[in-house]
Protein backbone atom coordinates (compact mmCIF):
# COMPACT_ATOMS: atom_id res chain seq x y z
CA MET A 1 76.47 7.08 -86.97
CA ASN A 2 73.33 9.24 -86.82
CA THR A 3 73.16 13.03 -86.53
CA VAL A 4 71.32 14.32 -83.47
CA ASN A 5 71.04 17.49 -81.44
CA GLN A 6 72.63 17.15 -78.01
CA GLU A 7 74.55 19.87 -76.19
CA LYS A 8 76.29 17.76 -73.55
CA PRO A 9 77.65 14.25 -74.26
CA LEU A 10 75.09 11.66 -73.18
CA LEU A 11 76.00 8.06 -72.39
CA ILE A 12 73.04 5.69 -72.59
CA ALA A 13 73.97 2.71 -70.47
CA ILE A 14 73.04 -0.25 -68.33
CA ALA A 15 74.93 0.49 -65.12
CA VAL A 16 76.37 -3.01 -64.70
CA SER A 17 77.37 -3.47 -68.34
CA HIS A 18 81.13 -3.93 -68.64
CA TYR A 19 81.05 -2.54 -72.19
CA CYS A 20 79.50 0.61 -70.73
CA GLU A 21 82.25 0.65 -68.10
CA LYS A 22 84.80 0.56 -70.93
CA VAL A 23 83.30 3.73 -72.43
CA ARG A 24 82.68 5.35 -69.04
CA TRP A 25 86.34 4.84 -68.14
CA ALA A 26 87.54 6.33 -71.45
CA LEU A 27 85.32 9.38 -70.96
CA ASP A 28 86.58 9.88 -67.42
CA TYR A 29 90.22 9.34 -68.42
CA LEU A 30 89.92 11.98 -71.14
CA ASN A 31 88.18 14.36 -68.73
CA VAL A 32 85.00 14.56 -70.82
CA ASP A 33 82.11 16.16 -68.94
CA TYR A 34 79.13 13.96 -69.77
CA VAL A 35 75.77 12.76 -68.50
CA GLU A 36 75.07 9.07 -67.93
CA GLU A 37 71.51 7.85 -68.42
CA ASN A 38 70.95 4.33 -67.12
CA HIS A 39 68.20 1.95 -68.15
CA ALA A 40 67.28 -1.63 -67.30
CA PRO A 41 66.94 -4.30 -69.95
CA PRO A 42 64.83 -4.45 -72.05
CA PHE A 43 63.80 -0.81 -71.61
CA HIS A 44 67.18 0.46 -72.80
CA ARG A 45 66.16 -0.45 -76.36
CA GLN A 46 63.48 2.23 -76.33
CA TYR A 47 66.28 4.77 -76.03
CA THR A 48 69.13 3.21 -78.01
CA SER A 49 66.85 2.56 -81.01
CA ARG A 50 66.27 6.29 -81.36
CA TYR A 51 69.90 6.60 -82.40
CA GLY A 52 70.24 3.48 -84.53
CA GLY A 53 71.54 1.23 -81.75
CA THR A 54 70.15 -2.04 -80.45
CA THR A 55 72.12 -2.31 -77.22
CA VAL A 56 74.39 -0.26 -74.97
CA PRO A 57 76.60 1.69 -74.84
CA VAL A 58 75.38 4.54 -77.04
CA LEU A 59 77.14 7.89 -76.86
CA ILE A 60 75.58 11.06 -78.19
CA ILE A 61 78.35 13.61 -78.67
CA ASP A 62 79.01 16.54 -81.01
CA ASN A 63 75.57 16.03 -82.60
CA LYS A 64 76.46 12.43 -83.50
CA ALA A 65 75.29 9.08 -82.14
CA LEU A 66 77.91 6.36 -81.75
CA VAL A 67 76.57 2.88 -81.09
CA ASP A 68 79.66 0.68 -80.58
CA SER A 69 82.28 0.89 -77.83
CA HIS A 70 85.16 0.56 -80.32
CA ASP A 71 83.81 3.39 -82.47
CA ILE A 72 83.22 5.50 -79.38
CA LEU A 73 86.81 5.15 -78.18
CA HIS A 74 88.15 5.96 -81.62
CA TYR A 75 86.02 9.08 -81.85
CA LEU A 76 87.02 10.22 -78.37
CA ASN A 77 90.66 9.69 -79.30
CA ARG A 78 90.30 11.83 -82.44
CA VAL A 79 88.71 14.77 -80.65
CA SER A 80 90.86 14.65 -77.51
CA THR A 81 93.19 17.60 -77.15
CA ASP A 82 95.11 16.10 -74.24
CA LYS A 83 95.55 12.38 -73.59
CA GLN A 84 95.30 9.67 -76.22
CA LEU A 85 93.77 6.18 -76.14
CA TYR A 86 95.68 4.89 -79.18
CA PRO A 87 99.42 5.43 -79.78
CA GLN A 88 100.49 7.51 -82.75
CA ASN A 89 103.15 4.91 -83.57
CA ILE A 90 101.54 2.66 -86.21
CA GLU A 91 103.03 -0.59 -84.90
CA LEU A 92 101.95 0.11 -81.33
CA ARG A 93 98.52 1.27 -82.50
CA ASP A 94 98.03 -1.99 -84.40
CA ARG A 95 98.90 -3.96 -81.27
CA VAL A 96 96.36 -1.98 -79.25
CA GLU A 97 93.71 -2.62 -81.90
CA ILE A 98 94.40 -6.38 -81.88
CA ILE A 99 94.03 -6.62 -78.10
CA GLU A 100 90.90 -4.46 -78.08
CA LYS A 101 89.29 -6.62 -80.76
CA LEU A 102 90.23 -9.83 -78.92
CA CYS A 103 88.62 -8.53 -75.74
CA ASP A 104 85.56 -7.05 -77.46
CA ASP A 105 84.84 -10.12 -79.58
CA GLN A 106 85.74 -12.93 -77.18
CA LEU A 107 86.45 -11.92 -73.60
CA GLY A 108 83.48 -9.59 -73.09
CA GLY A 109 80.85 -12.14 -74.02
CA ALA A 110 82.59 -14.86 -72.01
CA THR A 111 82.87 -12.85 -68.78
CA ARG A 112 79.25 -11.76 -69.13
CA CYS A 113 78.06 -15.37 -69.49
CA TRP A 114 80.28 -16.61 -66.66
CA GLY A 115 79.32 -13.81 -64.27
CA TYR A 116 75.59 -14.00 -64.92
CA TYR A 117 75.56 -17.76 -64.45
CA TYR A 118 76.36 -17.20 -60.78
CA ALA A 119 74.49 -13.91 -60.36
CA MET A 120 71.27 -15.48 -61.60
CA GLN A 121 71.33 -17.93 -58.73
CA THR A 122 70.13 -14.92 -56.71
CA PRO A 123 67.65 -13.24 -59.11
CA LYS A 124 66.84 -10.38 -56.74
CA LEU A 125 70.45 -9.19 -56.95
CA VAL A 126 70.23 -9.12 -60.74
CA GLU A 127 66.99 -7.15 -60.59
CA ARG A 128 68.59 -4.56 -58.32
CA ALA A 129 71.72 -4.41 -60.48
CA TRP A 130 69.69 -3.82 -63.65
CA SER A 131 67.70 -1.08 -61.92
CA LYS A 132 70.78 0.76 -60.64
CA GLY A 133 70.62 4.42 -61.61
CA THR A 134 67.25 4.14 -63.36
CA SER A 135 64.14 6.22 -62.68
CA ALA A 136 61.58 5.20 -60.07
CA THR A 137 59.11 4.47 -62.85
CA GLU A 138 61.52 2.21 -64.67
CA LYS A 139 62.39 0.37 -61.47
CA LYS A 140 58.70 -0.56 -61.14
CA GLN A 141 58.53 -1.55 -64.81
CA ASN A 142 61.64 -3.67 -64.43
CA ALA A 143 60.14 -5.49 -61.45
CA SER A 144 56.95 -6.25 -63.37
CA VAL A 145 58.69 -7.92 -66.34
CA PHE A 146 61.90 -9.05 -64.69
CA HIS A 147 61.33 -12.82 -64.65
CA LYS A 148 60.34 -12.86 -68.33
CA THR A 149 63.35 -10.69 -69.22
CA LEU A 150 65.62 -12.97 -67.20
CA GLU A 151 64.52 -16.04 -69.15
CA LEU A 152 65.07 -14.28 -72.48
CA PHE A 153 68.47 -13.10 -71.29
CA LYS A 154 69.46 -16.68 -70.39
CA GLN A 155 68.47 -17.88 -73.84
CA ASN A 156 70.11 -15.04 -75.76
CA TYR A 157 73.45 -15.31 -73.96
CA ASN A 158 73.51 -19.08 -73.31
CA ILE A 159 73.52 -18.67 -69.55
CA SER A 160 73.71 -22.35 -68.65
CA THR A 161 76.11 -24.83 -67.09
CA GLU A 162 77.51 -25.68 -70.50
CA GLY A 163 77.67 -22.03 -71.51
CA LYS A 164 79.51 -21.16 -68.31
CA GLN A 165 82.09 -23.88 -68.91
CA ILE A 166 82.70 -22.77 -72.49
CA ALA A 167 82.95 -19.16 -71.32
CA LEU A 168 85.56 -20.06 -68.72
CA GLN A 169 87.67 -21.79 -71.36
CA THR A 170 87.59 -18.60 -73.45
CA ILE A 171 88.44 -16.49 -70.41
CA ARG A 172 91.44 -18.63 -69.51
CA LYS A 173 92.62 -18.66 -73.11
CA THR A 174 92.46 -14.86 -73.31
CA PHE A 175 94.23 -14.44 -69.99
CA SER A 176 96.94 -16.86 -71.13
CA ALA A 177 97.53 -14.86 -74.31
CA LEU A 178 97.81 -11.60 -72.38
CA ASN A 179 99.98 -13.19 -69.68
CA GLN A 180 102.54 -13.83 -72.41
CA LYS A 181 102.49 -10.16 -73.40
CA LEU A 182 103.29 -9.28 -69.78
CA SER A 183 106.01 -11.91 -69.37
CA LEU A 184 108.81 -9.34 -69.10
CA GLY A 185 107.10 -7.39 -66.34
CA GLN A 186 105.66 -4.65 -68.54
CA LYS A 187 103.48 -2.12 -66.76
CA TYR A 188 101.01 -1.85 -69.64
CA LEU A 189 99.80 -4.19 -72.38
CA VAL A 190 101.25 -1.97 -75.12
CA GLY A 191 103.91 0.70 -74.79
CA ASP A 192 104.67 2.67 -71.68
CA ARG A 193 101.33 4.29 -70.90
CA LEU A 194 97.63 3.53 -70.49
CA SER A 195 95.86 2.81 -73.77
CA ALA A 196 92.57 1.48 -75.11
CA ALA A 197 94.06 -2.00 -74.76
CA ASP A 198 94.41 -1.68 -70.98
CA ILE A 199 91.03 0.01 -70.52
CA THR A 200 89.21 -2.54 -72.67
CA PHE A 201 90.83 -5.56 -71.07
CA ALA A 202 90.44 -4.29 -67.51
CA ALA A 203 86.80 -3.28 -67.98
CA LEU A 204 85.77 -6.50 -69.72
CA ALA A 205 87.76 -8.70 -67.32
CA ALA A 206 86.28 -7.00 -64.26
CA PRO A 207 83.46 -9.56 -63.79
CA VAL A 208 86.08 -12.30 -63.19
CA ILE A 209 88.54 -10.16 -61.18
CA ARG A 210 86.20 -7.96 -59.14
CA PRO A 211 88.85 -5.26 -58.66
CA GLU A 212 88.72 -2.68 -55.92
CA HIS A 213 87.64 0.80 -57.07
CA HIS A 214 85.25 -0.56 -59.68
CA PRO A 215 82.34 1.92 -59.81
CA VAL A 216 79.69 -0.83 -59.81
CA TYR A 217 81.01 -4.30 -58.94
CA ASP A 218 81.56 -5.49 -55.37
CA SER A 219 85.16 -6.62 -54.78
CA GLN A 220 84.31 -8.57 -51.61
CA LEU A 221 84.21 -12.32 -52.21
CA SER A 222 82.76 -13.51 -48.90
CA LYS A 223 79.15 -13.80 -50.15
CA MET A 224 80.00 -15.39 -53.51
CA PRO A 225 79.70 -19.13 -54.30
CA THR A 226 82.86 -21.10 -53.55
CA GLU A 227 83.28 -22.21 -57.17
CA MET A 228 83.10 -18.59 -58.32
CA VAL A 229 85.60 -17.42 -55.70
CA GLU A 230 88.10 -20.10 -56.70
CA VAL A 231 88.13 -18.89 -60.31
CA ILE A 232 88.40 -15.24 -59.31
CA GLN A 233 91.34 -15.99 -57.02
CA GLU A 234 92.99 -18.09 -59.73
CA LEU A 235 92.73 -15.27 -62.28
CA ARG A 236 93.66 -12.54 -59.79
CA ASN A 237 97.01 -14.30 -59.31
CA THR A 238 97.95 -14.20 -62.99
CA PRO A 239 100.01 -11.37 -64.54
CA ALA A 240 96.93 -10.29 -66.52
CA GLY A 241 94.73 -10.37 -63.43
CA LYS A 242 97.24 -8.31 -61.48
CA LEU A 243 97.28 -5.78 -64.33
CA VAL A 244 93.50 -5.41 -64.07
CA ALA A 245 93.73 -4.74 -60.33
CA ARG A 246 96.54 -2.25 -60.84
CA MET A 247 94.77 -0.41 -63.67
CA TYR A 248 91.74 0.11 -61.44
CA CYS A 249 93.90 1.21 -58.51
CA GLU A 250 96.17 3.56 -60.45
CA HIS A 251 93.93 4.80 -63.25
CA ARG A 252 90.33 4.44 -62.11
CA HIS A 253 90.29 5.20 -58.39
CA GLU A 254 90.57 8.97 -58.68
CA GLN A 255 88.09 9.04 -61.56
CA ASP A 256 85.21 7.44 -59.63
CA ARG A 257 82.18 9.62 -60.36
């Protein structure tokens, strides 16, 4: 955590990043008035590195720089005077932490790999997605280096047929584990109200659910590859998939910025 001077909370993000959506959702849920500054890869590193970060999200708040989504949610929870992201009950809090870590460490990387495998079949769509919300200058810069960046991205995140298959196994395994937690028809993953567990899972699962009311992703499946649609429909019909859709409908719709 670095000390900086910043009057209004600033979220440095890549618009389509689901980890950024996790933080964006938490900020909106807690009614934090903030500014979002979007950058395209790899240009985001010019800005995140100023605060000790290597990737997004980075949140500059209360003269501090937070460079990890988990740390950001914990800090927001501590300073919130209204709603909470983590239960005060120790047992429930531990359960939220376990689910958040599972999603952060396993699901997030898997859904990114799986989603980009299909998105990269239409590179122009990826270029536009990375440029979303960026300056006109950065849009031009992104276009000039896009193909090189795309190849590096594929290598760094194992965006390949094999990588996609491994990612899908991880996704199904995570969904199966969370389906069991919802086996009695619970409305939330932990306790009786929205928590960091629900926000983290819903945000990081969004690439494979494509829920309505997502601020960035398109929920319409008609233009997607058949193989991709089949997996989305499969996961949408699970208890965990239905929870994602409901979280976006009930807890994200009215917060769309």
